[in-house]
């Protein structure tokens, strides 16, 4: 992952942010919300705890994380067999 952000967003910047929730959300607040904080920083928070902690990512790091989630690449043991008969990289 990339280095820590150069600054931490201020509470007022987080309150003013335009938060988005996934269109796949069931409306039961069991998802995350994201908000751009300028061109180089994306804030992510738990939709159940909107006043709670916020994680900050570069857009590239967030895209990579979401891509790995969608591709099933997270949580798999290295070398474990996949359903298509191949193994993960070591």
N, C-alpha and C. Protein backbone atom coordinates (compact mmCIF):
# COMPACT_ATOMS: atom_id res chain seq x y z
N UNK A 1 0.83 -1.18 0.00
CA UNK A 1 0.00 0.00 0.00
C UNK A 1 0.87 1.23 0.00
N UNK A 2 0.26 2.35 -0.32
CA UNK A 2 1.03 3.58 -0.39
C UNK A 2 1.29 4.12 1.01
N UNK A 3 2.13 5.13 1.07
CA UNK A 3 2.51 5.75 2.34
C UNK A 3 1.32 6.46 2.97
N UNK A 4 1.50 6.80 4.23
CA UNK A 4 0.47 7.54 4.95
C UNK A 4 0.20 8.87 4.25
N UNK A 5 -1.02 9.38 4.35
CA UNK A 5 -1.31 10.68 3.73
C UNK A 5 -0.47 11.77 4.38
N UNK A 6 -0.25 12.81 3.64
CA UNK A 6 0.57 13.92 4.13
C UNK A 6 -0.13 14.70 5.24
N UNK A 7 -1.43 14.62 5.31
CA UNK A 7 -2.17 15.34 6.33
C UNK A 7 -3.40 14.54 6.72
N UNK A 8 -3.91 14.82 7.88
CA UNK A 8 -5.16 14.20 8.32
C UNK A 8 -6.28 15.20 8.06
N UNK A 9 -7.38 14.75 7.49
CA UNK A 9 -8.48 15.68 7.22
C UNK A 9 -9.03 16.26 8.52
N UNK A 10 -9.38 17.52 8.47
CA UNK A 10 -9.94 18.17 9.65
C UNK A 10 -11.38 17.70 9.85
N UNK A 11 -11.89 17.79 11.09
CA UNK A 11 -13.29 17.44 11.33
C UNK A 11 -14.25 18.24 10.46
N UNK A 12 -13.96 19.52 10.22
CA UNK A 12 -14.86 20.32 9.39
C UNK A 12 -14.83 19.85 7.94
N UNK A 13 -13.67 19.40 7.44
CA UNK A 13 -13.59 18.87 6.08
C UNK A 13 -14.40 17.59 5.96
N UNK A 14 -14.37 16.76 7.00
CA UNK A 14 -15.14 15.51 6.97
C UNK A 14 -16.64 15.78 7.03
N UNK A 15 -17.05 16.77 7.82
CA UNK A 15 -18.48 17.11 7.90
C UNK A 15 -18.98 17.67 6.57
N UNK A 16 -18.13 18.43 5.88
CA UNK A 16 -18.53 19.06 4.63
C UNK A 16 -18.41 18.11 3.43
N UNK A 17 -17.80 16.97 3.62
CA UNK A 17 -17.58 16.03 2.51
C UNK A 17 -18.91 15.51 1.96
N UNK A 18 -18.91 15.19 0.69
CA UNK A 18 -20.10 14.61 0.04
C UNK A 18 -19.95 13.09 0.07
N UNK A 19 -20.55 12.47 1.09
CA UNK A 19 -20.43 11.03 1.30
C UNK A 19 -21.34 10.27 0.35
N UNK A 20 -20.83 9.16 -0.18
CA UNK A 20 -21.60 8.29 -1.08
C UNK A 20 -21.66 6.90 -0.50
N UNK A 21 -22.80 6.28 -0.64
CA UNK A 21 -22.99 4.89 -0.21
C UNK A 21 -23.20 4.04 -1.46
N UNK A 22 -22.76 2.82 -1.41
CA UNK A 22 -22.89 1.92 -2.55
C UNK A 22 -24.35 1.74 -2.94
N UNK A 23 -24.59 1.64 -4.23
CA UNK A 23 -25.94 1.35 -4.71
C UNK A 23 -26.36 -0.07 -4.35
N UNK A 24 -25.40 -0.91 -3.94
CA UNK A 24 -25.71 -2.27 -3.51
C UNK A 24 -26.13 -2.34 -2.05
N UNK A 25 -26.06 -1.22 -1.35
CA UNK A 25 -26.43 -1.20 0.06
C UNK A 25 -27.90 -1.54 0.22
N UNK A 26 -28.20 -2.29 1.27
CA UNK A 26 -29.60 -2.68 1.51
C UNK A 26 -30.37 -1.62 2.27
N UNK A 27 -29.73 -0.54 2.66
CA UNK A 27 -30.40 0.48 3.44
C UNK A 27 -30.41 0.17 4.93
N UNK A 28 -29.76 -0.92 5.32
CA UNK A 28 -29.72 -1.30 6.73
C UNK A 28 -28.42 -0.82 7.39
N UNK A 29 -27.74 0.11 6.72
CA UNK A 29 -26.49 0.68 7.23
C UNK A 29 -25.42 -0.38 7.48
N UNK A 30 -25.32 -1.34 6.61
CA UNK A 30 -24.30 -2.39 6.77
C UNK A 30 -23.25 -2.29 5.65
N UNK A 31 -22.78 -1.08 5.44
CA UNK A 31 -21.80 -0.90 4.38
C UNK A 31 -20.87 0.24 4.75
N UNK A 32 -20.03 0.63 3.83
CA UNK A 32 -19.15 1.77 4.02
C UNK A 32 -19.61 2.91 3.13
N UNK A 33 -19.17 4.09 3.49
CA UNK A 33 -19.41 5.28 2.68
C UNK A 33 -18.06 5.86 2.31
N UNK A 34 -17.98 6.47 1.14
CA UNK A 34 -16.74 7.09 0.70
C UNK A 34 -16.99 8.55 0.35
N UNK A 35 -15.94 9.35 0.47
CA UNK A 35 -16.04 10.76 0.09
C UNK A 35 -14.67 11.22 -0.41
N UNK A 36 -14.64 11.88 -1.56
CA UNK A 36 -13.37 12.44 -2.02
C UNK A 36 -13.02 13.66 -1.17
N UNK A 37 -11.75 13.76 -0.79
CA UNK A 37 -11.25 14.92 -0.05
C UNK A 37 -10.14 15.55 -0.87
N UNK A 38 -10.48 15.97 -2.05
CA UNK A 38 -9.49 16.50 -2.97
C UNK A 38 -9.07 15.42 -3.95
N UNK A 39 -8.15 15.74 -4.85
CA UNK A 39 -7.78 14.78 -5.90
C UNK A 39 -6.91 13.62 -5.42
N UNK A 40 -6.29 13.75 -4.24
CA UNK A 40 -5.33 12.74 -3.81
C UNK A 40 -5.73 11.96 -2.56
N UNK A 41 -6.97 12.12 -2.10
CA UNK A 41 -7.37 11.47 -0.86
C UNK A 41 -8.84 11.09 -0.89
N UNK A 42 -9.11 9.87 -0.44
CA UNK A 42 -10.48 9.37 -0.35
C UNK A 42 -10.72 8.93 1.09
N UNK A 43 -11.80 9.41 1.67
CA UNK A 43 -12.16 9.04 3.04
C UNK A 43 -13.17 7.90 2.99
N UNK A 44 -13.03 6.96 3.94
CA UNK A 44 -13.93 5.80 4.02
C UNK A 44 -14.39 5.68 5.47
N UNK A 45 -15.70 5.48 5.67
CA UNK A 45 -16.23 5.33 7.03
C UNK A 45 -17.32 4.29 7.06
N UNK A 46 -17.62 3.82 8.25
CA UNK A 46 -18.70 2.86 8.50
C UNK A 46 -20.02 3.63 8.47
N UNK A 47 -20.97 3.16 7.68
CA UNK A 47 -22.24 3.87 7.56
C UNK A 47 -23.06 3.84 8.86
N UNK A 48 -22.75 2.90 9.75
CA UNK A 48 -23.46 2.86 11.04
C UNK A 48 -22.89 3.86 12.03
N UNK A 49 -21.65 4.29 11.81
CA UNK A 49 -20.98 5.19 12.76
C UNK A 49 -20.44 6.40 12.00
N UNK A 50 -21.33 7.22 11.50
CA UNK A 50 -20.91 8.34 10.66
C UNK A 50 -20.05 9.37 11.41
N UNK A 51 -20.15 9.40 12.73
CA UNK A 51 -19.31 10.30 13.52
C UNK A 51 -18.06 9.58 14.02
N UNK A 52 -17.90 8.33 13.66
CA UNK A 52 -16.78 7.53 14.12
C UNK A 52 -15.52 7.76 13.31
N UNK A 53 -14.56 6.86 13.43
CA UNK A 53 -13.27 7.03 12.75
C UNK A 53 -13.40 6.94 11.23
N UNK A 54 -12.45 7.56 10.56
CA UNK A 54 -12.39 7.59 9.10
C UNK A 54 -11.03 7.07 8.68
N UNK A 55 -11.00 6.23 7.67
CA UNK A 55 -9.75 5.78 7.06
C UNK A 55 -9.53 6.60 5.80
N UNK A 56 -8.29 6.93 5.52
CA UNK A 56 -7.95 7.70 4.33
C UNK A 56 -7.08 6.86 3.41
N UNK A 57 -7.40 6.91 2.13
CA UNK A 57 -6.67 6.16 1.11
C UNK A 57 -6.38 7.07 -0.08
N UNK A 58 -5.33 6.74 -0.80
CA UNK A 58 -5.18 7.36 -2.12
C UNK A 58 -6.21 6.70 -3.02
N UNK A 59 -6.68 7.40 -4.04
CA UNK A 59 -7.64 6.75 -4.95
C UNK A 59 -7.10 5.45 -5.55
N UNK A 60 -5.81 5.41 -5.87
CA UNK A 60 -5.23 4.19 -6.45
C UNK A 60 -5.24 3.04 -5.45
N UNK A 61 -4.92 3.32 -4.18
CA UNK A 61 -4.92 2.26 -3.16
C UNK A 61 -6.33 1.74 -2.93
N UNK A 62 -7.33 2.63 -2.91
CA UNK A 62 -8.71 2.20 -2.71
C UNK A 62 -9.18 1.35 -3.90
N UNK A 63 -8.86 1.78 -5.10
CA UNK A 63 -9.25 1.01 -6.30
C UNK A 63 -8.62 -0.37 -6.29
N UNK A 64 -7.37 -0.45 -5.87
CA UNK A 64 -6.69 -1.74 -5.79
C UNK A 64 -7.36 -2.65 -4.75
N UNK A 65 -7.69 -2.09 -3.60
CA UNK A 65 -8.35 -2.85 -2.53
C UNK A 65 -9.70 -3.37 -3.01
N UNK A 66 -10.51 -2.51 -3.61
CA UNK A 66 -11.83 -2.93 -4.09
C UNK A 66 -11.69 -3.97 -5.20
N UNK A 67 -10.71 -3.79 -6.07
CA UNK A 67 -10.47 -4.78 -7.13
C UNK A 67 -10.12 -6.14 -6.56
N UNK A 68 -9.29 -6.16 -5.50
CA UNK A 68 -8.95 -7.43 -4.86
C UNK A 68 -10.17 -8.05 -4.19
N UNK A 69 -11.02 -7.23 -3.60
CA UNK A 69 -12.25 -7.76 -3.00
C UNK A 69 -13.15 -8.40 -4.05
N UNK A 70 -13.34 -7.68 -5.14
CA UNK A 70 -14.22 -8.19 -6.21
C UNK A 70 -13.63 -9.42 -6.88
N UNK A 71 -12.32 -9.49 -6.96
CA UNK A 71 -11.66 -10.62 -7.61
C UNK A 71 -11.43 -11.80 -6.69
N UNK A 72 -11.81 -11.68 -5.42
CA UNK A 72 -11.64 -12.78 -4.49
C UNK A 72 -10.21 -12.97 -4.03
N UNK A 73 -9.36 -11.97 -4.19
CA UNK A 73 -7.96 -12.12 -3.86
C UNK A 73 -7.62 -11.91 -2.39
N UNK A 74 -8.52 -11.41 -1.59
CA UNK A 74 -8.23 -11.17 -0.18
C UNK A 74 -8.70 -12.34 0.67
N UNK A 75 -7.94 -12.64 1.69
CA UNK A 75 -8.35 -13.68 2.62
C UNK A 75 -8.00 -15.09 2.19
N UNK A 76 -7.42 -15.23 1.02
CA UNK A 76 -7.06 -16.55 0.52
C UNK A 76 -5.62 -16.85 0.94
N UNK A 77 -5.40 -18.03 1.43
CA UNK A 77 -4.03 -18.43 1.78
C UNK A 77 -3.18 -18.52 0.53
N UNK A 78 -1.96 -18.11 0.65
CA UNK A 78 -1.05 -18.23 -0.49
C UNK A 78 -0.84 -19.71 -0.81
N UNK A 79 -0.93 -20.04 -2.09
CA UNK A 79 -0.75 -21.41 -2.53
C UNK A 79 -2.01 -22.25 -2.46
N UNK A 80 -3.10 -21.68 -1.94
CA UNK A 80 -4.36 -22.44 -1.83
C UNK A 80 -4.96 -22.64 -3.22
N UNK A 81 -5.59 -23.77 -3.42
CA UNK A 81 -6.22 -24.07 -4.69
C UNK A 81 -7.43 -23.17 -4.91
N UNK A 82 -7.59 -22.73 -6.14
CA UNK A 82 -8.76 -21.96 -6.54
C UNK A 82 -9.76 -22.91 -7.18
N UNK A 83 -10.97 -22.42 -7.34
CA UNK A 83 -12.01 -23.27 -7.92
C UNK A 83 -11.72 -23.61 -9.39
N UNK A 84 -10.86 -22.82 -10.06
CA UNK A 84 -10.56 -23.10 -11.47
C UNK A 84 -9.36 -24.04 -11.63
N UNK A 85 -8.85 -24.58 -10.51
CA UNK A 85 -7.75 -25.54 -10.58
C UNK A 85 -6.37 -24.92 -10.48
N UNK A 86 -6.28 -23.60 -10.50
CA UNK A 86 -4.99 -22.95 -10.37
C UNK A 86 -4.69 -22.66 -8.90
N UNK A 87 -3.48 -22.24 -8.62
CA UNK A 87 -3.13 -21.86 -7.26
C UNK A 87 -2.76 -20.39 -7.22
N UNK A 88 -2.86 -19.78 -6.04
CA UNK A 88 -2.49 -18.39 -5.88
C UNK A 88 -0.99 -18.26 -5.91
N UNK A 89 -0.53 -17.07 -6.21
CA UNK A 89 0.91 -16.81 -6.24
C UNK A 89 1.49 -16.80 -4.85
N UNK A 90 2.72 -17.24 -4.72
CA UNK A 90 3.42 -17.23 -3.43
C UNK A 90 4.14 -15.93 -3.24
